[in-house]
PDB file of N, CA and C in Angstrom:
ATOM      1  N   MET A   1     -41.658 128.054 -35.835  1.00  0.00           N
ATOM      2  CA  MET A   1     -41.863 129.104 -36.050  1.00  0.00           C
ATOM      3  C   MET A   1     -41.414 130.155 -35.364  1.00  0.00           C
ATOM      4  N   LYS A   2     -40.853 130.872 -35.791  1.00  0.00           N
ATOM      5  CA  LYS A   2     -39.640 132.253 -35.339  1.00  0.00           C
ATOM      6  C   LYS A   2     -40.218 133.389 -35.326  1.00  0.00           C
ATOM      7  N   LYS A   3     -40.833 134.055 -34.539  1.00  0.00           N
ATOM      8  CA  LYS A   3     -41.248 135.617 -34.681  1.00  0.00           C
ATOM      9  C   LYS A   3     -40.817 136.675 -33.538  1.00  0.00           C
ATOM     10  N   THR A   4     -40.639 137.735 -34.012  1.00  0.00           N
ATOM     11  CA  THR A   4     -40.238 138.951 -33.451  1.00  0.00           C
ATOM     12  C   THR A   4     -41.626 140.004 -32.692  1.00  0.00           C
ATOM     13  N   TYR A   5     -41.405 140.130 -31.501  1.00  0.00           N
ATOM     14  CA  TYR A   5     -42.540 141.083 -31.329  1.00  0.00           C
ATOM     15  C   TYR A   5     -42.099 142.493 -30.755  1.00  0.00           C
ATOM     16  N   ALA A   6     -42.714 143.570 -30.940  1.00  0.00           N
ATOM     17  CA  ALA A   6     -42.001 144.761 -30.323  1.00  0.00           C
ATOM     18  C   ALA A   6     -42.984 144.803 -29.605  1.00  0.00           C
ATOM     19  N   ILE A   7     -42.187 145.130 -28.174  1.00  0.00           N
ATOM     20  CA  ILE A   7     -43.001 145.360 -26.811  1.00  0.00           C
ATOM     21  C   ILE A   7     -42.675 146.656 -26.072  1.00  0.00           C
ATOM     22  N   SER A   8     -43.868 147.422 -25.850  1.00  0.00           N
ATOM     23  CA  SER A   8     -43.483 149.103 -26.166  1.00  0.00           C
ATOM     24  C   SER A   8     -43.098 149.472 -24.566  1.00  0.00           C
ATOM     25  N   ASN A   9     -43.428 148.646 -23.506  1.00  0.00           N
ATOM     26  CA  ASN A   9     -43.087 148.871 -21.966  1.00  0.00           C
ATOM     27  C   ASN A   9     -42.550 148.318 -20.885  1.00  0.00           C
ATOM     28  N   MET A  10     -41.059 147.905 -21.809  1.00  0.00           N
ATOM     29  CA  MET A  10     -40.502 146.637 -20.831  1.00  0.00           C
ATOM     30  C   MET A  10     -39.155 148.022 -20.543  1.00  0.00           C
ATOM     31  N   GLU A  11     -39.020 148.006 -19.381  1.00  0.00           N
ATOM     32  CA  GLU A  11     -37.786 149.159 -18.608  1.00  0.00           C
ATOM     33  C   GLU A  11     -36.941 148.574 -18.044  1.00  0.00           C
ATOM     34  N   CYS A  12     -36.781 147.498 -17.318  1.00  0.00           N
ATOM     35  CA  CYS A  12     -35.593 146.981 -17.248  1.00  0.00           C
ATOM     36  C   CYS A  12     -35.116 145.609 -17.611  1.00  0.00           C
ATOM     37  N   PRO A  13     -34.032 144.842 -17.209  1.00  0.00           N
ATOM     38  CA  PRO A  13     -34.113 143.668 -17.392  1.00  0.00           C
ATOM     39  C   PRO A  13     -34.968 142.504 -16.739  1.00  0.00           C
ATOM     40  N   ASN A  14     -35.208 142.848 -15.571  1.00  0.00           N
ATOM     41  CA  ASN A  14     -36.215 141.639 -14.692  1.00  0.00           C
ATOM     42  C   ASN A  14     -37.526 141.871 -16.072  1.00  0.00           C
ATOM     43  N   CYS A  15     -37.897 143.276 -16.641  1.00  0.00           N
ATOM     44  CA  CYS A  15     -39.422 142.848 -17.442  1.00  0.00           C
ATOM     45  C   CYS A  15     -39.128 141.527 -18.862  1.00  0.00           C
ATOM     46  N   ALA A  16     -37.605 141.844 -18.448  1.00  0.00           N
ATOM     47  CA  ALA A  16     -36.900 140.596 -19.762  1.00  0.00           C
ATOM     48  C   ALA A  16     -37.501 139.266 -19.488  1.00  0.00           C
ATOM     49  N   MET A  17     -36.571 139.268 -18.047  1.00  0.00           N
ATOM     50  CA  MET A  17     -37.218 137.978 -17.923  1.00  0.00           C
ATOM     51  C   MET A  17     -38.209 137.212 -17.270  1.00  0.00           C
ATOM     52  N   ILE A  18     -39.055 137.822 -17.301  1.00  0.00           N
ATOM     53  CA  ILE A  18     -40.864 137.623 -16.785  1.00  0.00           C
ATOM     54  C   ILE A  18     -40.785 137.440 -17.996  1.00  0.00           C
ATOM     55  N   LEU A  19     -41.168 138.524 -19.173  1.00  0.00           N
ATOM     56  CA  LEU A  19     -41.179 137.809 -20.593  1.00  0.00           C
ATOM     57  C   LEU A  19     -40.796 136.351 -20.818  1.00  0.00           C
ATOM     58  N   GLU A  20     -39.741 136.282 -20.754  1.00  0.00           N
ATOM     59  CA  GLU A  20     -39.297 135.025 -21.049  1.00  0.00           C
ATOM     60  C   GLU A  20     -39.757 133.515 -20.009  1.00  0.00           C
ATOM     61  N   SER A  21     -40.132 134.293 -19.008  1.00  0.00           N
ATOM     62  CA  SER A  21     -40.436 132.918 -17.898  1.00  0.00           C
ATOM     63  C   SER A  21     -41.825 132.611 -18.826  1.00  0.00           C
ATOM     64  N   ILE A  22     -43.031 133.357 -19.592  1.00  0.00           N
ATOM     65  CA  ILE A  22     -43.702 132.403 -20.290  1.00  0.00           C
ATOM     66  C   ILE A  22     -43.281 131.287 -20.990  1.00  0.00           C
ATOM     67  N   GLU A  23     -41.936 130.813 -21.251  1.00  0.00           N
ATOM     68  CA  GLU A  23     -41.562 129.364 -21.882  1.00  0.00           C
ATOM     69  C   GLU A  23     -41.989 128.096 -21.302  1.00  0.00           C
ATOM     70  N   ASP A  24     -42.066 128.814 -19.897  1.00  0.00           N
ATOM     71  CA  ASP A  24     -42.249 127.383 -18.697  1.00  0.00           C
ATOM     72  C   ASP A  24     -43.858 127.512 -18.827  1.00  0.00           C
ATOM     73  N   LYS A  25     -44.678 128.522 -19.309  1.00  0.00           N
ATOM     74  CA  LYS A  25     -45.786 128.274 -19.004  1.00  0.00           C
ATOM     75  C   LYS A  25     -46.701 127.516 -20.537  1.00  0.00           C
ATOM     76  N   LEU A  26     -46.153 128.005 -21.690  1.00  0.00           N
ATOM     77  CA  LEU A  26     -47.256 127.319 -22.396  1.00  0.00           C
ATOM     78  C   LEU A  26     -46.417 126.213 -23.243  1.00  0.00           C
ATOM     79  N   PRO A  27     -46.515 124.920 -23.864  1.00  0.00           N
ATOM     80  CA  PRO A  27     -46.280 123.580 -23.841  1.00  0.00           C
ATOM     81  C   PRO A  27     -46.319 124.280 -25.401  1.00  0.00           C
ATOM     82  N   GLY A  28     -44.997 124.066 -26.193  1.00  0.00           N
ATOM     83  CA  GLY A  28     -44.894 123.895 -27.517  1.00  0.00           C
ATOM     84  C   GLY A  28     -43.770 125.304 -28.008  1.00  0.00           C
ATOM     85  N   ILE A  29     -44.014 126.394 -26.427  1.00  0.00           N
ATOM     86  CA  ILE A  29     -42.757 127.217 -27.295  1.00  0.00           C
ATOM     87  C   ILE A  29     -40.916 126.481 -26.506  1.00  0.00           C
ATOM     88  N   ARG A  30     -40.489 127.060 -27.763  1.00  0.00           N
ATOM     89  CA  ARG A  30     -39.246 126.307 -27.737  1.00  0.00           C
ATOM     90  C   ARG A  30     -37.847 127.013 -27.080  1.00  0.00           C
ATOM     91  N   GLN A  31     -37.947 128.539 -27.107  1.00  0.00           N
ATOM     92  CA  GLN A  31     -37.776 129.709 -26.897  1.00  0.00           C
ATOM     93  C   GLN A  31     -37.967 130.795 -26.993  1.00  0.00           C
ATOM     94  N   ILE A  32     -37.871 131.601 -26.143  1.00  0.00           N
ATOM     95  CA  ILE A  32     -38.312 133.019 -25.496  1.00  0.00           C
ATOM     96  C   ILE A  32     -36.784 133.821 -25.461  1.00  0.00           C
ATOM     97  N   SER A  33     -36.239 134.726 -26.213  1.00  0.00           N
ATOM     98  CA  SER A  33     -35.516 135.720 -25.830  1.00  0.00           C
ATOM     99  C   SER A  33     -35.833 137.173 -26.240  1.00  0.00           C
ATOM    100  N   ALA A  34     -36.112 137.987 -25.059  1.00  0.00           N
ATOM    101  CA  ALA A  34     -36.000 139.248 -25.179  1.00  0.00           C
ATOM    102  C   ALA A  34     -35.275 139.766 -24.453  1.00  0.00           C
ATOM    103  N   SER A  35     -35.445 141.613 -24.684  1.00  0.00           N
ATOM    104  CA  SER A  35     -34.442 142.491 -24.678  1.00  0.00           C
ATOM    105  C   SER A  35     -35.127 144.001 -24.299  1.00  0.00           C
ATOM    106  N   TYR A  36     -34.676 144.755 -22.987  1.00  0.00           N
ATOM    107  CA  TYR A  36     -35.812 145.567 -22.728  1.00  0.00           C
ATOM    108  C   TYR A  36     -34.541 146.612 -23.751  1.00  0.00           C
ATOM    109  N   HIS A  37     -33.480 146.687 -23.928  1.00  0.00           N
ATOM    110  CA  HIS A  37     -32.485 147.658 -24.704  1.00  0.00           C
ATOM    111  C   HIS A  37     -33.275 147.736 -26.089  1.00  0.00           C
ATOM    112  N   LYS A  38     -33.769 146.955 -26.651  1.00  0.00           N
ATOM    113  CA  LYS A  38     -34.402 146.641 -28.433  1.00  0.00           C
ATOM    114  C   LYS A  38     -35.711 146.854 -28.721  1.00  0.00           C
ATOM    115  N   GLY A  39     -36.227 146.800 -26.906  1.00  0.00           N
ATOM    116  CA  GLY A  39     -38.076 146.561 -26.673  1.00  0.00           C
ATOM    117  C   GLY A  39     -38.398 145.266 -27.441  1.00  0.00           C
ATOM    118  N   GLN A  40     -38.091 143.942 -27.028  1.00  0.00           N
ATOM    119  CA  GLN A  40     -38.335 143.140 -28.570  1.00  0.00           C
ATOM    120  C   GLN A  40     -38.606 142.280 -27.788  1.00  0.00           C
ATOM    121  N   MET A  41     -39.085 140.987 -28.192  1.00  0.00           N
ATOM    122  CA  MET A  41     -39.244 139.532 -28.016  1.00  0.00           C
ATOM    123  C   MET A  41     -39.170 138.659 -29.100  1.00  0.00           C
ATOM    124  N   THR A  42     -38.355 137.573 -29.085  1.00  0.00           N
ATOM    125  CA  THR A  42     -38.129 136.545 -30.029  1.00  0.00           C
ATOM    126  C   THR A  42     -38.816 135.634 -29.840  1.00  0.00           C
ATOM    127  N   VAL A  43     -39.287 135.033 -30.498  1.00  0.00           N
ATOM    128  CA  VAL A  43     -40.031 133.742 -29.515  1.00  0.00           C
ATOM    129  C   VAL A  43     -40.069 132.620 -30.907  1.00  0.00           C
ATOM    130  N   GLU A  44     -39.838 131.686 -30.285  1.00  0.00           N
ATOM    131  CA  GLU A  44     -39.291 130.459 -31.085  1.00  0.00           C
ATOM    132  C   GLU A  44     -40.546 128.642 -31.338  1.00  0.00           C
ATOM    133  N   PHE A  45     -41.247 128.626 -31.826  1.00  0.00           N
ATOM    134  CA  PHE A  45     -42.404 128.279 -30.910  1.00  0.00           C
ATOM    135  C   PHE A  45     -43.115 126.857 -32.244  1.00  0.00           C
ATOM    136  N   ASP A  46     -43.801 125.991 -31.955  1.00  0.00           N
ATOM    137  CA  ASP A  46     -44.644 124.588 -32.583  1.00  0.00           C
ATOM    138  C   ASP A  46     -46.230 125.378 -32.309  1.00  0.00           C
ATOM    139  N   GLU A  47     -46.078 125.705 -33.763  1.00  0.00           N
ATOM    140  CA  GLU A  47     -47.595 126.164 -34.266  1.00  0.00           C
ATOM    141  C   GLU A  47     -48.568 124.932 -33.760  1.00  0.00           C
ATOM    142  N   GLU A  48     -48.440 123.884 -34.149  1.00  0.00           N
ATOM    143  CA  GLU A  48     -49.212 122.751 -33.559  1.00  0.00           C
ATOM    144  C   GLU A  48     -49.296 122.722 -31.786  1.00  0.00           C
ATOM    145  N   LYS A  49     -48.421 123.050 -31.442  1.00  0.00           N
ATOM    146  CA  LYS A  49     -48.887 122.708 -29.584  1.00  0.00           C
ATOM    147  C   LYS A  49     -49.470 123.649 -29.556  1.00  0.00           C
ATOM    148  N   VAL A  50     -49.052 125.773 -29.961  1.00  0.00           N
ATOM    149  CA  VAL A  50     -49.015 126.446 -28.999  1.00  0.00           C
ATOM    150  C   VAL A  50     -49.807 127.470 -30.282  1.00  0.00           C
ATOM    151  N   SER A  51     -50.721 128.823 -30.177  1.00  0.00           N
ATOM    152  CA  SER A  51     -50.861 129.563 -30.894  1.00  0.00           C
ATOM    153  C   SER A  51     -50.238 130.753 -31.004  1.00  0.00           C
ATOM    154  N   GLU A  52     -50.358 131.697 -31.654  1.00  0.00           N
ATOM    155  CA  GLU A  52     -49.406 133.137 -31.801  1.00  0.00           C
ATOM    156  C   GLU A  52     -50.509 133.701 -30.994  1.00  0.00           C
ATOM    157  N   ALA A  53     -51.717 133.492 -31.205  1.00  0.00           N
ATOM    158  CA  ALA A  53     -52.382 134.181 -29.747  1.00  0.00           C
ATOM    159  C   ALA A  53     -52.602 133.721 -28.648  1.00  0.00           C
ATOM    160  N   GLN A  54     -52.215 132.773 -27.924  1.00  0.00           N
ATOM    161  CA  GLN A  54     -52.154 132.240 -26.796  1.00  0.00           C
ATOM    162  C   GLN A  54     -51.011 133.227 -26.678  1.00  0.00           C
ATOM    163  N   ILE A  55     -50.115 132.802 -26.967  1.00  0.00           N
ATOM    164  CA  ILE A  55     -48.736 133.887 -26.895  1.00  0.00           C
ATOM    165  C   ILE A  55     -48.656 134.985 -26.279  1.00  0.00           C
ATOM    166  N   LEU A  56     -49.413 136.235 -27.315  1.00  0.00           N
ATOM    167  CA  LEU A  56     -49.631 137.276 -26.988  1.00  0.00           C
ATOM    168  C   LEU A  56     -50.638 137.555 -25.452  1.00  0.00           C
ATOM    169  N   ALA A  57     -51.989 136.329 -25.500  1.00  0.00           N
ATOM    170  CA  ALA A  57     -52.285 136.646 -24.523  1.00  0.00           C
ATOM    171  C   ALA A  57     -51.932 136.692 -23.277  1.00  0.00           C
ATOM    172  N   GLU A  58     -50.473 135.500 -23.479  1.00  0.00           N
ATOM    173  CA  GLU A  58     -49.760 135.450 -21.953  1.00  0.00           C
ATOM    174  C   GLU A  58     -49.106 136.721 -21.644  1.00  0.00           C
ATOM    175  N   VAL A  59     -48.557 137.609 -22.917  1.00  0.00           N
ATOM    176  CA  VAL A  59     -47.335 138.802 -22.838  1.00  0.00           C
ATOM    177  C   VAL A  59     -48.741 139.865 -22.024  1.00  0.00           C
ATOM    178  N   GLU A  60     -49.744 139.620 -22.743  1.00  0.00           N
ATOM    179  CA  GLU A  60     -50.589 141.134 -22.245  1.00  0.00           C
ATOM    180  C   GLU A  60     -51.140 139.831 -20.204  1.00  0.00           C
ATOM    181  N   LYS A  61     -51.694 139.003 -20.043  1.00  0.00           N
ATOM    182  CA  LYS A  61     -51.261 138.712 -18.826  1.00  0.00           C
ATOM    183  C   LYS A  61     -50.422 139.379 -18.115  1.00  0.00           C
ATOM    184  N   LYS A  62     -48.925 139.049 -18.423  1.00  0.00           N
ATOM    185  CA  LYS A  62     -47.922 139.569 -17.884  1.00  0.00           C
ATOM    186  C   LYS A  62     -48.107 141.717 -17.101  1.00  0.00           C
ATOM    187  N   GLY A  63     -48.789 141.860 -18.727  1.00  0.00           N
ATOM    188  CA  GLY A  63     -48.767 143.877 -18.477  1.00  0.00           C
ATOM    189  C   GLY A  63     -48.149 144.297 -19.585  1.00  0.00           C
ATOM    190  N   TYR A  64     -48.023 143.475 -20.276  1.00  0.00           N
ATOM    191  CA  TYR A  64     -47.001 144.380 -21.450  1.00  0.00           C
ATOM    192  C   TYR A  64     -47.646 144.490 -22.715  1.00  0.00           C
ATOM    193  N   ARG A  65     -47.609 144.955 -23.204  1.00  0.00           N
ATOM    194  CA  ARG A  65     -48.074 145.664 -24.772  1.00  0.00           C
ATOM    195  C   ARG A  65     -47.225 145.712 -25.580  1.00  0.00           C
ATOM    196  N   LEU A  66     -47.962 144.982 -26.429  1.00  0.00           N
ATOM    197  CA  LEU A  66     -47.244 145.033 -27.869  1.00  0.00           C
ATOM    198  C   LEU A  66     -47.621 146.319 -28.966  1.00  0.00           C
ATOM    199  N   GLY A  67     -46.540 146.539 -29.626  1.00  0.00           N
ATOM    200  CA  GLY A  67     -46.249 147.809 -30.578  1.00  0.00           C
ATOM    201  C   GLY A  67     -45.227 148.402 -29.965  1.00  0.00           C
TER     202      GLY A  67
END
């Protein structure tokens, strides 16, 4: 599955890198691409290994807000 989420408080390229690091924390994520210019993050993941809720919880743990 591939989903794109709006992230409201990314302020620099480092923010995008922090979000992309979630890929290493959760099994089942194939790829994360984040853009602070667009204020969004696209995640490609295996729904059988990781849930959307787990991904979004990790985003919030990193200090970012959806929307």
